[in-house]
Amino acid sequence: ASFDHVMIEQKPSAPPAAPAALTATATGDRVVRLDWKTPSGNTQSGVKIESSLDGAPFYEIADLAAEASRFDNTGVENRSALRYRIRVYNTGGYSGYSNIVPGASKTP
């Protein structure tokens, strides 16, 4: 087959808006529950959870489904040394990061 003068043009999706209101709650002896809000109208493919220990660089600890709004980080040894942040993504790229929260910010 031969194609002549064919041009395919597709505008990529815009990256989604950043998640908001990230909170971390100690729900058990070694569990930190993260909750957040996703802006309405976001078209996202997934959620990336990142953590930092004692001020070290952040690293990815989970890649969740697009509809996720909660994550339980289990087996946590030292909640007070942890920091968390999240961002969402789609085919257009990554959102900005959420706020950063300490792993022991609240208890139920």
N, C-alpha and C. Protein backbone atom coordinates (compact mmCIF):
# COMPACT_ATOMS: atom_id res chain seq x y z
N ALA A 1 0.84 -1.18 0.00
CA ALA A 1 0.00 0.00 0.00
C ALA A 1 0.87 1.23 0.00
N SER A 2 0.37 2.23 -0.63
CA SER A 2 1.10 3.48 -0.73
C SER A 2 0.17 4.61 -0.30
N PHE A 3 0.70 5.51 0.48
CA PHE A 3 -0.08 6.65 0.94
C PHE A 3 0.62 7.90 0.46
N ASP A 4 -0.16 8.80 -0.06
CA ASP A 4 0.40 10.03 -0.58
C ASP A 4 -0.31 11.21 0.07
N HIS A 5 0.43 12.13 0.59
CA HIS A 5 -0.11 13.35 1.20
C HIS A 5 -1.03 13.04 2.40
N VAL A 6 -0.60 12.12 3.22
CA VAL A 6 -1.36 11.77 4.41
C VAL A 6 -0.68 12.41 5.61
N MET A 7 -1.47 13.11 6.39
CA MET A 7 -0.93 13.73 7.59
C MET A 7 -1.86 13.40 8.75
N ILE A 8 -1.28 12.83 9.77
CA ILE A 8 -2.05 12.51 10.96
C ILE A 8 -1.62 13.49 12.04
N GLU A 9 -2.58 14.18 12.56
CA GLU A 9 -2.29 15.16 13.58
C GLU A 9 -3.20 14.91 14.78
N GLN A 10 -2.59 14.72 15.91
CA GLN A 10 -3.37 14.50 17.12
C GLN A 10 -2.73 15.29 18.24
N LYS A 11 -3.55 16.07 18.87
CA LYS A 11 -3.05 16.88 19.98
C LYS A 11 -3.00 15.99 21.22
N PRO A 12 -1.83 15.90 21.87
CA PRO A 12 -1.76 15.07 23.08
C PRO A 12 -2.62 15.66 24.20
N SER A 13 -3.04 14.80 25.09
CA SER A 13 -3.81 15.24 26.25
C SER A 13 -2.95 16.16 27.10
N ALA A 14 -3.61 17.06 27.79
CA ALA A 14 -2.89 17.91 28.75
C ALA A 14 -2.64 17.08 30.01
N PRO A 15 -1.54 17.32 30.70
CA PRO A 15 -1.32 16.61 31.97
C PRO A 15 -2.46 16.95 32.95
N PRO A 16 -2.80 16.03 33.83
CA PRO A 16 -3.88 16.30 34.78
C PRO A 16 -3.44 17.31 35.85
N ALA A 17 -4.43 17.86 36.52
CA ALA A 17 -4.15 18.78 37.64
C ALA A 17 -3.63 17.98 38.83
N ALA A 18 -2.85 18.63 39.66
CA ALA A 18 -2.24 17.97 40.83
C ALA A 18 -3.30 17.60 41.87
N PRO A 19 -3.13 16.46 42.52
CA PRO A 19 -4.02 16.10 43.62
C PRO A 19 -3.86 17.10 44.77
N ALA A 20 -4.89 17.17 45.60
CA ALA A 20 -4.87 18.16 46.68
C ALA A 20 -5.21 17.51 48.01
N ALA A 21 -4.93 18.23 49.06
CA ALA A 21 -5.33 17.86 50.42
C ALA A 21 -4.84 16.48 50.84
N LEU A 22 -3.58 16.17 50.53
CA LEU A 22 -3.01 14.90 50.98
C LEU A 22 -2.90 14.91 52.50
N THR A 23 -3.36 13.83 53.13
CA THR A 23 -3.21 13.66 54.58
C THR A 23 -2.63 12.28 54.86
N ALA A 24 -1.95 12.16 55.97
CA ALA A 24 -1.39 10.88 56.42
C ALA A 24 -1.88 10.64 57.84
N THR A 25 -2.43 9.45 58.06
CA THR A 25 -2.97 9.09 59.37
C THR A 25 -2.39 7.76 59.81
N ALA A 26 -1.88 7.71 61.02
CA ALA A 26 -1.40 6.45 61.59
C ALA A 26 -2.63 5.65 62.00
N THR A 27 -2.90 4.54 61.29
CA THR A 27 -4.12 3.77 61.56
C THR A 27 -3.84 2.49 62.32
N GLY A 28 -2.61 2.16 62.53
CA GLY A 28 -2.23 0.95 63.25
C GLY A 28 -0.79 1.06 63.69
N ASP A 29 -0.32 0.00 64.30
CA ASP A 29 1.04 0.00 64.83
C ASP A 29 2.08 0.32 63.77
N ARG A 30 1.94 -0.25 62.57
CA ARG A 30 2.93 -0.04 61.51
C ARG A 30 2.26 0.32 60.18
N VAL A 31 1.16 1.09 60.25
CA VAL A 31 0.39 1.45 59.06
C VAL A 31 0.19 2.96 58.99
N VAL A 32 0.44 3.52 57.80
CA VAL A 32 0.13 4.92 57.53
C VAL A 32 -0.87 4.95 56.39
N ARG A 33 -2.02 5.57 56.63
CA ARG A 33 -3.06 5.69 55.59
C ARG A 33 -2.96 7.07 54.96
N LEU A 34 -2.84 7.09 53.64
CA LEU A 34 -2.83 8.33 52.88
C LEU A 34 -4.19 8.53 52.21
N ASP A 35 -4.73 9.72 52.31
CA ASP A 35 -5.97 10.10 51.64
C ASP A 35 -5.73 11.40 50.88
N TRP A 36 -6.39 11.56 49.73
CA TRP A 36 -6.24 12.78 48.95
C TRP A 36 -7.48 13.01 48.11
N LYS A 37 -7.53 14.19 47.52
CA LYS A 37 -8.62 14.57 46.64
C LYS A 37 -8.06 14.79 45.24
N THR A 38 -8.79 14.27 44.26
CA THR A 38 -8.42 14.49 42.87
C THR A 38 -9.34 15.57 42.31
N PRO A 39 -8.80 16.59 41.67
CA PRO A 39 -9.66 17.66 41.13
C PRO A 39 -10.71 17.10 40.16
N SER A 40 -11.92 17.62 40.25
CA SER A 40 -12.98 17.16 39.34
C SER A 40 -12.59 17.51 37.91
N GLY A 41 -12.95 16.67 37.00
CA GLY A 41 -12.62 16.89 35.59
C GLY A 41 -11.26 16.35 35.19
N ASN A 42 -10.49 15.84 36.14
CA ASN A 42 -9.19 15.25 35.79
C ASN A 42 -9.39 14.00 34.94
N THR A 43 -8.61 13.88 33.90
CA THR A 43 -8.56 12.63 33.14
C THR A 43 -7.19 12.04 33.39
N GLN A 44 -7.13 11.09 34.30
CA GLN A 44 -5.86 10.51 34.69
C GLN A 44 -5.86 9.01 34.46
N SER A 45 -4.66 8.48 34.30
CA SER A 45 -4.48 7.04 34.07
C SER A 45 -4.03 6.32 35.33
N GLY A 46 -3.43 7.04 36.27
CA GLY A 46 -2.92 6.40 37.48
C GLY A 46 -2.42 7.41 38.49
N VAL A 47 -2.03 6.87 39.65
CA VAL A 47 -1.56 7.68 40.78
C VAL A 47 -0.23 7.10 41.25
N LYS A 48 0.77 7.94 41.38
CA LYS A 48 2.09 7.53 41.89
C LYS A 48 2.24 8.03 43.32
N ILE A 49 2.61 7.12 44.24
CA ILE A 49 2.86 7.46 45.63
C ILE A 49 4.37 7.45 45.82
N GLU A 50 4.89 8.50 46.44
CA GLU A 50 6.33 8.58 46.71
C GLU A 50 6.57 8.83 48.18
N SER A 51 7.70 8.34 48.67
CA SER A 51 8.07 8.48 50.07
C SER A 51 9.54 8.89 50.18
N SER A 52 9.84 9.55 51.29
CA SER A 52 11.21 9.95 51.59
C SER A 52 11.48 9.60 53.05
N LEU A 53 12.65 9.08 53.33
CA LEU A 53 13.02 8.70 54.69
C LEU A 53 14.13 9.62 55.18
N ASP A 54 13.89 10.30 56.29
CA ASP A 54 14.89 11.18 56.91
C ASP A 54 15.48 12.20 55.95
N GLY A 55 14.66 12.80 55.08
CA GLY A 55 15.12 13.85 54.19
C GLY A 55 15.85 13.37 52.96
N ALA A 56 15.93 12.05 52.74
CA ALA A 56 16.55 11.50 51.53
C ALA A 56 15.66 11.82 50.33
N PRO A 57 16.16 11.63 49.11
CA PRO A 57 15.32 11.87 47.94
C PRO A 57 14.06 10.98 47.98
N PHE A 58 12.98 11.48 47.37
CA PHE A 58 11.74 10.71 47.28
C PHE A 58 11.92 9.56 46.30
N TYR A 59 11.23 8.46 46.57
CA TYR A 59 11.23 7.31 45.67
C TYR A 59 9.81 6.75 45.59
N GLU A 60 9.49 6.14 44.47
CA GLU A 60 8.15 5.61 44.24
C GLU A 60 7.93 4.34 45.06
N ILE A 61 6.80 4.30 45.78
CA ILE A 61 6.46 3.10 46.55
C ILE A 61 5.20 2.42 46.04
N ALA A 62 4.42 3.10 45.18
CA ALA A 62 3.20 2.49 44.64
C ALA A 62 2.76 3.21 43.38
N ASP A 63 2.14 2.45 42.48
CA ASP A 63 1.51 2.97 41.26
C ASP A 63 0.09 2.43 41.28
N LEU A 64 -0.88 3.29 41.52
CA LEU A 64 -2.26 2.87 41.75
C LEU A 64 -3.16 3.18 40.55
N ALA A 65 -4.33 2.57 40.53
CA ALA A 65 -5.33 2.81 39.50
C ALA A 65 -5.81 4.26 39.54
N ALA A 66 -6.33 4.73 38.44
CA ALA A 66 -6.74 6.13 38.29
C ALA A 66 -7.76 6.57 39.32
N GLU A 67 -8.67 5.69 39.71
CA GLU A 67 -9.74 6.09 40.62
C GLU A 67 -9.35 6.05 42.10
N ALA A 68 -8.13 5.67 42.41
CA ALA A 68 -7.68 5.56 43.81
C ALA A 68 -7.69 6.93 44.50
N SER A 69 -8.08 6.93 45.77
CA SER A 69 -8.01 8.14 46.58
C SER A 69 -7.55 7.82 48.01
N ARG A 70 -7.05 6.58 48.20
CA ARG A 70 -6.55 6.14 49.51
C ARG A 70 -5.50 5.07 49.28
N PHE A 71 -4.50 5.07 50.18
CA PHE A 71 -3.45 4.06 50.12
C PHE A 71 -2.98 3.78 51.54
N ASP A 72 -2.88 2.51 51.89
CA ASP A 72 -2.34 2.10 53.20
C ASP A 72 -0.91 1.62 53.01
N ASN A 73 0.04 2.34 53.59
CA ASN A 73 1.44 1.93 53.56
C ASN A 73 1.67 1.06 54.81
N THR A 74 1.88 -0.22 54.60
CA THR A 74 2.00 -1.16 55.72
C THR A 74 3.46 -1.51 55.98
N GLY A 75 3.73 -2.00 57.17
CA GLY A 75 5.09 -2.41 57.54
C GLY A 75 6.02 -1.25 57.81
N VAL A 76 5.47 -0.11 58.15
CA VAL A 76 6.27 1.09 58.37
C VAL A 76 6.99 0.99 59.72
N GLU A 77 8.28 1.10 59.69
CA GLU A 77 9.10 0.98 60.90
C GLU A 77 9.15 2.28 61.71
N ASN A 78 9.36 3.40 61.05
CA ASN A 78 9.57 4.67 61.75
C ASN A 78 8.74 5.76 61.08
N ARG A 79 7.46 5.85 61.46
CA ARG A 79 6.54 6.81 60.82
C ARG A 79 7.05 8.24 60.90
N SER A 80 7.63 8.62 62.02
CA SER A 80 8.02 10.02 62.19
C SER A 80 9.15 10.44 61.24
N ALA A 81 9.88 9.50 60.67
CA ALA A 81 10.97 9.81 59.75
C ALA A 81 10.51 9.89 58.30
N LEU A 82 9.27 9.49 58.02
CA LEU A 82 8.78 9.44 56.64
C LEU A 82 8.08 10.72 56.22
N ARG A 83 8.17 11.01 54.92
CA ARG A 83 7.42 12.07 54.26
C ARG A 83 6.80 11.45 53.02
N TYR A 84 5.60 11.92 52.65
CA TYR A 84 4.90 11.40 51.47
C TYR A 84 4.48 12.54 50.56
N ARG A 85 4.39 12.22 49.27
CA ARG A 85 3.80 13.10 48.27
C ARG A 85 3.24 12.22 47.17
N ILE A 86 2.31 12.77 46.38
CA ILE A 86 1.73 11.99 45.29
C ILE A 86 1.60 12.87 44.05
N ARG A 87 1.42 12.24 42.92
CA ARG A 87 1.08 12.92 41.68
C ARG A 87 0.32 11.94 40.80
N VAL A 88 -0.43 12.48 39.86
CA VAL A 88 -1.21 11.64 38.95
C VAL A 88 -0.65 11.82 37.54
N TYR A 89 -1.03 10.94 36.64
CA TYR A 89 -0.51 11.01 35.28
C TYR A 89 -1.54 10.54 34.27
N ASN A 90 -1.31 10.91 33.02
CA ASN A 90 -2.07 10.42 31.88
C ASN A 90 -1.13 10.44 30.67
N THR A 91 -1.67 10.25 29.47
CA THR A 91 -0.81 10.21 28.28
C THR A 91 -0.13 11.54 28.00
N GLY A 92 -0.64 12.63 28.59
CA GLY A 92 -0.04 13.95 28.40
C GLY A 92 1.10 14.25 29.35
N GLY A 93 1.30 13.38 30.35
CA GLY A 93 2.40 13.58 31.29
C GLY A 93 1.95 13.51 32.74
N TYR A 94 2.80 14.03 33.61
CA TYR A 94 2.56 14.00 35.05
C TYR A 94 2.00 15.34 35.53
N SER A 95 1.18 15.27 36.56
CA SER A 95 0.72 16.49 37.23
C SER A 95 1.86 17.02 38.09
N GLY A 96 1.63 18.16 38.69
CA GLY A 96 2.53 18.62 39.74
C GLY A 96 2.34 17.73 40.96
N TYR A 97 3.20 17.91 41.94
CA TYR A 97 3.09 17.11 43.17
C TYR A 97 2.05 17.71 44.10
N SER A 98 1.50 16.84 44.92
CA SER A 98 0.62 17.27 46.01
C SER A 98 1.47 17.95 47.08
N ASN A 99 0.80 18.35 48.14
CA ASN A 99 1.52 18.80 49.33
C ASN A 99 2.29 17.62 49.91
N ILE A 100 3.33 17.91 50.67
CA ILE A 100 4.13 16.88 51.34
C ILE A 100 3.63 16.77 52.78
N VAL A 101 3.44 15.52 53.23
CA VAL A 101 2.96 15.31 54.59
C VAL A 101 3.90 14.36 55.33
N PRO A 102 4.05 14.58 56.65
CA PRO A 102 4.82 13.63 57.46
C PRO A 102 4.02 12.37 57.71
N GLY A 103 4.70 11.25 57.89
CA GLY A 103 4.05 9.96 58.09
C GLY A 103 3.31 9.82 59.40
N ALA A 104 3.57 10.69 60.33
CA ALA A 104 2.90 10.61 61.63
C ALA A 104 2.12 11.88 61.91
N SER A 105 1.52 12.46 60.87
CA SER A 105 0.87 13.76 61.03
C SER A 105 -0.38 13.72 61.88
N LYS A 106 -1.15 12.61 61.84
CA LYS A 106 -2.34 12.50 62.68
C LYS A 106 -2.53 11.06 63.10
N THR A 107 -3.29 10.89 64.13
CA THR A 107 -3.73 9.56 64.54
C THR A 107 -5.24 9.61 64.69
N PRO A 108 -5.93 8.49 64.45
CA PRO A 108 -7.40 8.52 64.50
C PRO A 108 -7.93 8.84 65.88
